[in-house]
Amino acid sequence: MFAASQSFLHALLTSAVFFCGTGTVSANWFTIKNDTGKAIVVQEMVVVNGQVRRGKPTVLLAGETLREFIPGPTVKRIEVFDQQNQNQATWSGNLGCKDENQTYSVGLAGGKVVVGQVVPPKK
């Protein structure tokens, strides 16, 4: 009887430490949505030892999203290309990534490609 109650007490204390001891988990998801109505190519660039390195190009069809987990605050250098002409970037710029979920929309304004942050509605 004593061993059973001791095991139960040990399990109860372990559960309490587990559930009370966990802090809040930050959700640092970085999302780019294609709102242009046509296929685009998104590519990240990073500077390593003074040289620009290009990441893997990702094709996004109309309405598709690219989602990536970012472990901490950073600045992403992004280029957007038209899928039909991948020699010339239609948009290039830096996107600030904070310690929170962020969504950017790639769209068209006046015939030009624009990228803007989507502000989530307040709860």
Protein backbone atom coordinates (compact mmCIF):
# COMPACT_ATOMS: atom_id res chain seq x y z
CA MET A 1 0.00 0.00 0.00
CA PHE A 2 2.77 2.39 0.94
CA ALA A 3 4.71 1.72 -2.33
CA ALA A 4 1.60 2.31 -4.44
CA SER A 5 0.83 5.65 -2.79
CA GLN A 6 4.49 6.67 -3.04
CA SER A 7 4.48 5.89 -6.82
CA PHE A 8 1.27 7.85 -7.24
CA LEU A 9 2.72 10.83 -5.35
CA HIS A 10 5.91 10.68 -7.45
CA ALA A 11 3.86 10.63 -10.68
CA LEU A 12 1.72 13.53 -9.46
CA LEU A 13 4.77 15.65 -8.58
CA THR A 14 6.44 14.86 -11.90
CA SER A 15 3.30 15.91 -13.78
CA ALA A 16 3.03 19.14 -11.78
CA VAL A 17 6.65 20.06 -12.52
CA PHE A 18 6.18 19.25 -16.20
CA PHE A 19 3.02 21.31 -16.68
CA CYS A 20 3.93 24.23 -14.40
CA GLY A 21 7.59 24.39 -15.33
CA THR A 22 7.15 24.85 -19.05
CA GLY A 23 7.34 28.42 -20.22
CA THR A 24 5.67 30.00 -23.17
CA VAL A 25 6.87 28.82 -26.53
CA SER A 26 7.49 31.47 -29.14
CA ALA A 27 5.99 30.81 -32.54
CA ASN A 28 8.35 32.33 -35.06
CA TRP A 29 6.76 31.34 -38.35
CA PHE A 30 7.71 33.38 -41.40
CA THR A 31 5.17 33.10 -44.25
CA ILE A 32 5.18 34.51 -47.78
CA LYS A 33 1.90 34.31 -49.73
CA ASN A 34 1.61 34.69 -53.50
CA ASP A 35 -1.27 37.10 -54.17
CA THR A 36 -0.13 38.05 -57.69
CA GLY A 37 -2.48 35.71 -59.54
CA LYS A 38 0.41 34.09 -61.43
CA ALA A 39 3.33 31.79 -60.65
CA ILE A 40 6.40 33.38 -59.05
CA VAL A 41 9.78 32.18 -57.83
CA VAL A 42 10.99 33.20 -54.35
CA GLN A 43 14.66 32.91 -53.46
CA GLU A 44 16.57 33.85 -50.31
CA MET A 45 20.09 35.27 -50.36
CA VAL A 46 22.59 35.18 -47.50
CA VAL A 47 26.07 36.64 -47.19
CA VAL A 48 28.73 34.13 -46.09
CA ASN A 49 32.34 35.29 -45.71
CA GLY A 50 31.60 38.37 -47.80
CA GLN A 51 30.06 36.39 -50.67
CA VAL A 52 26.39 36.24 -51.61
CA ARG A 53 24.97 32.72 -51.55
CA ARG A 54 21.57 31.99 -53.04
CA GLY A 55 19.15 29.57 -51.43
CA LYS A 56 16.99 27.07 -53.23
CA PRO A 57 14.43 28.80 -55.49
CA THR A 58 10.84 27.98 -54.60
CA VAL A 59 8.02 28.20 -57.14
CA LEU A 60 4.76 29.51 -55.68
CA LEU A 61 1.62 29.17 -57.76
CA ALA A 62 -1.16 31.73 -57.35
CA GLY A 63 -2.49 31.59 -53.78
CA GLU A 64 0.25 29.31 -52.45
CA THR A 65 2.38 30.08 -49.40
CA LEU A 66 5.95 29.44 -48.34
CA ARG A 67 6.28 28.88 -44.60
CA GLU A 68 9.50 28.64 -42.62
CA PHE A 69 10.32 28.49 -38.91
CA ILE A 70 12.76 31.20 -37.81
CA PRO A 71 14.52 30.38 -34.51
CA GLY A 72 15.23 34.03 -33.64
CA PRO A 73 15.07 37.59 -34.91
CA THR A 74 16.86 38.13 -38.22
CA VAL A 75 16.65 39.96 -41.53
CA LYS A 76 15.92 37.93 -44.66
CA ARG A 77 17.09 39.12 -48.07
CA ILE A 78 14.49 37.93 -50.58
CA GLU A 79 14.21 38.13 -54.36
CA VAL A 80 11.02 37.51 -56.31
CA PHE A 81 11.11 36.45 -59.97
CA ASP A 82 8.43 35.95 -62.60
CA GLN A 83 8.41 32.23 -63.38
CA GLN A 84 8.54 33.01 -67.11
CA ASN A 85 11.63 35.25 -66.78
CA GLN A 86 13.95 34.15 -63.98
CA ASN A 87 16.90 36.24 -65.18
CA GLN A 88 15.60 39.55 -63.78
CA ALA A 89 14.23 39.95 -60.25
CA THR A 90 10.86 41.72 -60.20
CA TRP A 91 11.31 42.58 -56.50
CA SER A 92 14.25 42.49 -54.15
CA GLY A 93 14.46 43.59 -50.55
CA ASN A 94 14.98 42.87 -46.87
CA LEU A 95 12.23 41.49 -44.67
CA GLY A 96 12.61 41.88 -40.92
CA CYS A 97 11.77 38.73 -38.94
CA LYS A 98 10.82 39.27 -35.31
CA ASP A 99 10.14 36.86 -32.46
CA GLU A 100 6.56 36.33 -33.61
CA ASN A 101 4.55 34.93 -36.49
CA GLN A 102 4.78 37.13 -39.56
CA THR A 103 3.07 36.93 -42.93
CA TYR A 104 4.12 38.82 -46.04
CA SER A 105 2.03 39.13 -49.19
CA VAL A 106 3.51 39.34 -52.69
CA GLY A 107 1.07 41.27 -54.88
CA LEU A 108 0.77 43.62 -57.82
CA ALA A 109 0.28 47.38 -57.62
CA GLY A 110 0.36 49.50 -60.75
CA GLY A 111 1.81 46.62 -62.74
CA LYS A 112 4.76 46.22 -60.36
CA VAL A 113 5.43 43.48 -57.83
CA VAL A 114 5.18 44.68 -54.22
CA VAL A 115 5.76 42.87 -50.95
CA GLY A 116 4.03 43.98 -47.78
CA GLN A 117 3.47 42.64 -44.32
CA VAL A 118 0.00 41.35 -43.51
CA VAL A 119 -1.12 42.70 -40.15
CA PRO A 120 -3.16 40.11 -38.24
CA PRO A 121 -6.51 41.24 -36.82
CA LYS A 122 -6.52 42.08 -33.14
CA LYS A 123 -8.08 39.50 -30.85
